């Protein structure tokens, strides 16, 4: 056998040893995964205890049903609601900490954001589709976001300006919002 054929035969043998046999997986069958940073709680009060402050919420009188109370790593509260017409609302709250706090906690990475002023608060808003909207803002050392899906734009705007901004300016704009205790309507 000449040197070229011998080199090719050696390379083919080495490749055959490296490749798995037909039907045999080339990776370990062990289930390896990272732990989820999301923890679900049974109540608002349990979520409040986990994050260490009063997360922003939507009262029952607004007509939405509470679906989930979620703690998402590093003190981010995520409260989810559903409406009678298929609306899905997500409200997030986080205490700002550190030198470079994350002020956009919306989790929305698409869409064209626009800054508007509601009351004395600058709010970044985005229209994601005809029935999907998002907003984020900061107030009194806290970051907030509100996302609405499957809803009318006027309903989103009404909740944002008529409730969320008003509440965050008056409640979280205080010196120590973590000590405020509400009679939770859940």
C-alpha atoms as a PDB file:
ATOM      1  CA  UNK A   1       0.000   0.000   0.000  1.00  0.00           C
ATOM      2  CA  UNK A   2       1.423   3.389  -0.893  1.00  0.00           C
ATOM      3  CA  UNK A   3       1.779   6.180   1.659  1.00  0.00           C
ATOM      4  CA  UNK A   4      -1.257   8.159   0.378  1.00  0.00           C
ATOM      5  CA  UNK A   5      -3.606   5.172   0.607  1.00  0.00           C
ATOM      6  CA  UNK A   6      -2.197   4.323   4.038  1.00  0.00           C
ATOM      7  CA  UNK A   7      -2.804   7.907   5.248  1.00  0.00           C
ATOM      8  CA  UNK A   8      -6.403   7.823   3.961  1.00  0.00           C
ATOM      9  CA  UNK A   9      -7.025   4.432   5.554  1.00  0.00           C
ATOM     10  CA  UNK A  10      -5.648   5.678   8.889  1.00  0.00           C
ATOM     11  CA  UNK A  11      -7.800   8.807   8.723  1.00  0.00           C
ATOM     12  CA  UNK A  12     -10.912   6.767   7.879  1.00  0.00           C
ATOM     13  CA  UNK A  13     -10.219   4.388  10.778  1.00  0.00           C
ATOM     14  CA  UNK A  14      -9.716   7.291  13.205  1.00  0.00           C
ATOM     15  CA  UNK A  15     -12.950   8.953  12.009  1.00  0.00           C
ATOM     16  CA  UNK A  16     -14.855   5.670  12.345  1.00  0.00           C
ATOM     17  CA  UNK A  17     -13.646   5.320  15.938  1.00  0.00           C
ATOM     18  CA  UNK A  18     -14.718   8.869  16.761  1.00  0.00           C
ATOM     19  CA  UNK A  19     -18.196   8.622  15.228  1.00  0.00           C
ATOM     20  CA  UNK A  20     -20.843   6.646  17.110  1.00  0.00           C
ATOM     21  CA  UNK A  21     -22.257   3.473  15.616  1.00  0.00           C
ATOM     22  CA  UNK A  22     -25.618   3.792  13.872  1.00  0.00           C
ATOM     23  CA  UNK A  23     -28.423   4.121  16.408  1.00  0.00           C
ATOM     24  CA  UNK A  24     -26.108   4.958  19.311  1.00  0.00           C
ATOM     25  CA  UNK A  25     -26.360   8.461  20.758  1.00  0.00           C
ATOM     26  CA  UNK A  26     -23.174  10.472  20.738  1.00  0.00           C
ATOM     27  CA  UNK A  27     -24.044  12.236  24.016  1.00  0.00           C
ATOM     28  CA  UNK A  28     -24.693  11.149  27.548  1.00  0.00           C
ATOM     29  CA  UNK A  29     -28.255  10.104  28.293  1.00  0.00           C
ATOM     30  CA  UNK A  30     -28.134  11.787  31.704  1.00  0.00           C
ATOM     31  CA  UNK A  31     -30.652  14.601  32.080  1.00  0.00           C
ATOM     32  CA  UNK A  32     -28.553  17.650  32.802  1.00  0.00           C
ATOM     33  CA  UNK A  33     -30.266  21.005  33.307  1.00  0.00           C
ATOM     34  CA  UNK A  34     -29.873  24.246  35.178  1.00  0.00           C
ATOM     35  CA  UNK A  35     -32.241  25.011  38.043  1.00  0.00           C
ATOM     36  CA  UNK A  36     -35.038  27.411  37.147  1.00  0.00           C
ATOM     37  CA  UNK A  37     -34.764  30.864  38.719  1.00  0.00           C
ATOM     38  CA  UNK A  38     -38.593  31.037  38.763  1.00  0.00           C
ATOM     39  CA  UNK A  39     -40.458  30.064  41.918  1.00  0.00           C
ATOM     40  CA  UNK A  40     -44.260  30.159  42.072  1.00  0.00           C
ATOM     41  CA  UNK A  41     -46.025  31.116  45.298  1.00  0.00           C
ATOM     42  CA  UNK A  42     -49.594  30.378  46.345  1.00  0.00           C
ATOM     43  CA  UNK A  43     -50.391  33.930  47.446  1.00  0.00           C
ATOM     44  CA  UNK A  44     -49.432  37.565  47.175  1.00  0.00           C
ATOM     45  CA  UNK A  45     -48.310  37.580  50.806  1.00  0.00           C
ATOM     46  CA  UNK A  46     -45.896  34.672  50.214  1.00  0.00           C
ATOM     47  CA  UNK A  47     -44.472  36.456  47.157  1.00  0.00           C
ATOM     48  CA  UNK A  48     -44.144  39.670  49.161  1.00  0.00           C
ATOM     49  CA  UNK A  49     -42.179  37.802  51.844  1.00  0.00           C
ATOM     50  CA  UNK A  50     -39.875  36.288  49.203  1.00  0.00           C
ATOM     51  CA  UNK A  51     -39.007  39.586  47.478  1.00  0.00           C
ATOM     52  CA  UNK A  52     -38.923  41.683  50.647  1.00  0.00           C
ATOM     53  CA  UNK A  53     -41.198  44.490  49.467  1.00  0.00           C
ATOM     54  CA  UNK A  54     -44.779  45.130  48.297  1.00  0.00           C
ATOM     55  CA  UNK A  55     -44.950  44.216  44.587  1.00  0.00           C
ATOM     56  CA  UNK A  56     -47.304  46.207  42.386  1.00  0.00           C
ATOM     57  CA  UNK A  57     -50.627  44.410  41.896  1.00  0.00           C
ATOM     58  CA  UNK A  58     -54.017  44.840  40.298  1.00  0.00           C
ATOM     59  CA  UNK A  59     -56.993  44.858  42.696  1.00  0.00           C
ATOM     60  CA  UNK A  60     -59.923  42.507  42.135  1.00  0.00           C
ATOM     61  CA  UNK A  61     -62.201  45.422  41.390  1.00  0.00           C
ATOM     62  CA  UNK A  62     -60.388  45.812  38.057  1.00  0.00           C
ATOM     63  CA  UNK A  63     -62.085  42.588  36.928  1.00  0.00           C
ATOM     64  CA  UNK A  64     -59.047  40.404  36.194  1.00  0.00           C
ATOM     65  CA  UNK A  65     -58.344  37.007  37.723  1.00  0.00           C
ATOM     66  CA  UNK A  66     -54.991  36.396  39.403  1.00  0.00           C
ATOM     67  CA  UNK A  67     -53.243  33.440  37.766  1.00  0.00           C
ATOM     68  CA  UNK A  68     -49.678  33.335  39.126  1.00  0.00           C
ATOM     69  CA  UNK A  69     -47.429  34.873  41.770  1.00  0.00           C
ATOM     70  CA  UNK A  70     -43.861  34.354  40.554  1.00  0.00           C
ATOM     71  CA  UNK A  71     -40.461  35.151  42.038  1.00  0.00           C
ATOM     72  CA  UNK A  72     -37.873  35.435  39.277  1.00  0.00           C
ATOM     73  CA  UNK A  73     -34.348  35.383  40.701  1.00  0.00           C
ATOM     74  CA  UNK A  74     -32.723  38.379  42.376  1.00  0.00           C
ATOM     75  CA  UNK A  75     -35.898  39.923  43.828  1.00  0.00           C
ATOM     76  CA  UNK A  76     -38.105  40.288  40.756  1.00  0.00           C
ATOM     77  CA  UNK A  77     -41.836  39.837  41.439  1.00  0.00           C
ATOM     78  CA  UNK A  78     -44.035  38.805  38.501  1.00  0.00           C
ATOM     79  CA  UNK A  79     -47.821  38.737  38.996  1.00  0.00           C
ATOM     80  CA  UNK A  80     -49.998  37.427  36.154  1.00  0.00           C
ATOM     81  CA  UNK A  81     -53.671  37.929  35.452  1.00  0.00           C
ATOM     82  CA  UNK A  82     -56.249  36.840  32.898  1.00  0.00           C
ATOM     83  CA  UNK A  83     -59.418  38.553  31.745  1.00  0.00           C
ATOM     84  CA  UNK A  84     -62.834  37.354  30.619  1.00  0.00           C
ATOM     85  CA  UNK A  85     -62.041  38.220  26.991  1.00  0.00           C
ATOM     86  CA  UNK A  86     -58.726  36.326  26.864  1.00  0.00           C
ATOM     87  CA  UNK A  87     -56.536  39.173  28.058  1.00  0.00           C
ATOM     88  CA  UNK A  88     -53.200  38.229  29.644  1.00  0.00           C
ATOM     89  CA  UNK A  89     -51.547  40.793  31.921  1.00  0.00           C
ATOM     90  CA  UNK A  90     -48.095  40.648  33.485  1.00  0.00           C
ATOM     91  CA  UNK A  91     -47.009  43.081  36.181  1.00  0.00           C
ATOM     92  CA  UNK A  92     -43.397  43.068  37.345  1.00  0.00           C
ATOM     93  CA  UNK A  93     -41.749  44.893  40.244  1.00  0.00           C
ATOM     94  CA  UNK A  94     -38.161  44.983  41.452  1.00  0.00           C
ATOM     95  CA  UNK A  95     -36.177  46.995  43.948  1.00  0.00           C
ATOM     96  CA  UNK A  96     -33.327  48.863  42.235  1.00  0.00           C
ATOM     97  CA  UNK A  97     -29.964  47.811  43.641  1.00  0.00           C
ATOM     98  CA  UNK A  98     -26.299  48.128  42.774  1.00  0.00           C
ATOM     99  CA  UNK A  99     -24.402  50.603  40.676  1.00  0.00           C
ATOM    100  CA  UNK A 100     -26.001  49.582  37.367  1.00  0.00           C
ATOM    101  CA  UNK A 101     -29.576  48.627  38.203  1.00  0.00           C
ATOM    102  CA  UNK A 102     -31.700  47.005  35.520  1.00  0.00           C
ATOM    103  CA  UNK A 103     -34.465  49.541  34.966  1.00  0.00           C
ATOM    104  CA  UNK A 104     -36.137  47.596  32.134  1.00  0.00           C
ATOM    105  CA  UNK A 105     -37.570  44.494  33.768  1.00  0.00           C
ATOM    106  CA  UNK A 106     -40.239  43.930  31.127  1.00  0.00           C
ATOM    107  CA  UNK A 107     -38.566  40.958  29.473  1.00  0.00           C
ATOM    108  CA  UNK A 108     -39.576  42.444  26.105  1.00  0.00           C
ATOM    109  CA  UNK A 109     -36.678  42.577  23.671  1.00  0.00           C
ATOM    110  CA  UNK A 110     -38.577  43.484  20.508  1.00  0.00           C
ATOM    111  CA  UNK A 111     -40.723  46.430  19.601  1.00  0.00           C
ATOM    112  CA  UNK A 112     -40.035  50.104  19.232  1.00  0.00           C
ATOM    113  CA  UNK A 113     -39.917  51.795  22.638  1.00  0.00           C
ATOM    114  CA  UNK A 114     -41.092  55.385  23.024  1.00  0.00           C
ATOM    115  CA  UNK A 115     -40.767  57.542  26.146  1.00  0.00           C
ATOM    116  CA  UNK A 116     -43.884  59.403  27.270  1.00  0.00           C
ATOM    117  CA  UNK A 117     -44.715  61.324  30.430  1.00  0.00           C
ATOM    118  CA  UNK A 118     -47.661  60.229  32.549  1.00  0.00           C
ATOM    119  CA  UNK A 119     -48.139  62.357  35.652  1.00  0.00           C
ATOM    120  CA  UNK A 120     -44.580  63.087  36.761  1.00  0.00           C
ATOM    121  CA  UNK A 121     -43.251  59.713  35.550  1.00  0.00           C
ATOM    122  CA  UNK A 122     -41.366  59.006  32.339  1.00  0.00           C
ATOM    123  CA  UNK A 123     -42.693  55.717  30.963  1.00  0.00           C
ATOM    124  CA  UNK A 124     -41.226  53.698  28.093  1.00  0.00           C
ATOM    125  CA  UNK A 125     -44.044  52.146  26.059  1.00  0.00           C
ATOM    126  CA  UNK A 126     -44.087  49.800  23.080  1.00  0.00           C
ATOM    127  CA  UNK A 127     -46.846  48.540  20.832  1.00  0.00           C
ATOM    128  CA  UNK A 128     -45.837  44.969  20.019  1.00  0.00           C
ATOM    129  CA  UNK A 129     -48.867  44.149  17.863  1.00  0.00           C
ATOM    130  CA  UNK A 130     -52.461  45.324  17.437  1.00  0.00           C
ATOM    131  CA  UNK A 131     -53.382  43.652  20.734  1.00  0.00           C
ATOM    132  CA  UNK A 132     -50.071  43.476  22.611  1.00  0.00           C
ATOM    133  CA  UNK A 133     -48.442  46.325  24.535  1.00  0.00           C
ATOM    134  CA  UNK A 134     -45.674  46.829  27.080  1.00  0.00           C
ATOM    135  CA  UNK A 135     -44.458  49.561  29.402  1.00  0.00           C
ATOM    136  CA  UNK A 136     -41.676  49.993  31.951  1.00  0.00           C
ATOM    137  CA  UNK A 137     -40.730  52.778  34.349  1.00  0.00           C
ATOM    138  CA  UNK A 138     -38.969  53.532  37.623  1.00  0.00           C
ATOM    139  CA  UNK A 139     -40.317  55.192  40.741  1.00  0.00           C
ATOM    140  CA  UNK A 140     -38.895  55.698  44.224  1.00  0.00           C
ATOM    141  CA  UNK A 141     -36.089  53.154  43.975  1.00  0.00           C
ATOM    142  CA  UNK A 142     -38.194  50.510  42.214  1.00  0.00           C
ATOM    143  CA  UNK A 143     -38.526  49.333  38.623  1.00  0.00           C
ATOM    144  CA  UNK A 144     -41.910  48.309  37.200  1.00  0.00           C
ATOM    145  CA  UNK A 145     -43.291  46.865  34.004  1.00  0.00           C
ATOM    146  CA  UNK A 146     -46.740  46.100  32.684  1.00  0.00           C
ATOM    147  CA  UNK A 147     -47.483  43.975  29.652  1.00  0.00           C
ATOM    148  CA  UNK A 148     -50.907  43.324  28.174  1.00  0.00           C
ATOM    149  CA  UNK A 149     -51.721  40.788  25.483  1.00  0.00           C
ATOM    150  CA  UNK A 150     -55.013  40.162  23.677  1.00  0.00           C
ATOM    151  CA  UNK A 151     -56.396  43.500  24.783  1.00  0.00           C
ATOM    152  CA  UNK A 152     -57.520  46.796  23.320  1.00  0.00           C
ATOM    153  CA  UNK A 153     -55.007  49.610  23.290  1.00  0.00           C
ATOM    154  CA  UNK A 154     -57.387  51.932  25.151  1.00  0.00           C
ATOM    155  CA  UNK A 155     -57.772  49.336  27.944  1.00  0.00           C
ATOM    156  CA  UNK A 156     -53.991  49.005  28.243  1.00  0.00           C
ATOM    157  CA  UNK A 157     -53.559  52.790  28.341  1.00  0.00           C
ATOM    158  CA  UNK A 158     -56.342  53.140  30.895  1.00  0.00           C
ATOM    159  CA  UNK A 159     -54.758  50.635  33.286  1.00  0.00           C
ATOM    160  CA  UNK A 160     -51.292  52.112  32.777  1.00  0.00           C
ATOM    161  CA  UNK A 161     -52.176  55.770  33.285  1.00  0.00           C
ATOM    162  CA  UNK A 162     -55.304  55.445  35.419  1.00  0.00           C
ATOM    163  CA  UNK A 163     -53.974  52.921  37.890  1.00  0.00           C
ATOM    164  CA  UNK A 164     -50.356  51.746  37.690  1.00  0.00           C
ATOM    165  CA  UNK A 165     -48.604  55.101  37.340  1.00  0.00           C
ATOM    166  CA  UNK A 166     -50.903  56.729  39.886  1.00  0.00           C
ATOM    167  CA  UNK A 167     -50.257  53.963  42.431  1.00  0.00           C
ATOM    168  CA  UNK A 168     -46.494  53.874  41.912  1.00  0.00           C
ATOM    169  CA  UNK A 169     -46.206  57.666  42.203  1.00  0.00           C
ATOM    170  CA  UNK A 170     -48.238  57.794  45.410  1.00  0.00           C
ATOM    171  CA  UNK A 171     -47.202  54.553  47.105  1.00  0.00           C
ATOM    172  CA  UNK A 172     -43.720  53.666  45.883  1.00  0.00           C
ATOM    173  CA  UNK A 173     -42.630  57.278  45.624  1.00  0.00           C
ATOM    174  CA  UNK A 174     -42.535  57.359  49.443  1.00  0.00           C
ATOM    175  CA  UNK A 175     -39.289  57.033  51.381  1.00  0.00           C
ATOM    176  CA  UNK A 176     -39.892  53.458  52.535  1.00  0.00           C
ATOM    177  CA  UNK A 177     -42.409  51.622  50.360  1.00  0.00           C
ATOM    178  CA  UNK A 178     -41.283  48.263  51.773  1.00  0.00           C
ATOM    179  CA  UNK A 179     -42.950  49.105  55.087  1.00  0.00           C
ATOM    180  CA  UNK A 180     -46.344  49.860  53.541  1.00  0.00           C
ATOM    181  CA  UNK A 181     -48.834  47.086  54.214  1.00  0.00           C
ATOM    182  CA  UNK A 182     -52.021  46.921  52.228  1.00  0.00           C
ATOM    183  CA  UNK A 183     -55.129  44.882  52.838  1.00  0.00           C
ATOM    184  CA  UNK A 184     -54.542  42.664  49.811  1.00  0.00           C
ATOM    185  CA  UNK A 185     -57.693  41.986  47.792  1.00  0.00           C
ATOM    186  CA  UNK A 186     -56.679  38.424  46.830  1.00  0.00           C
END
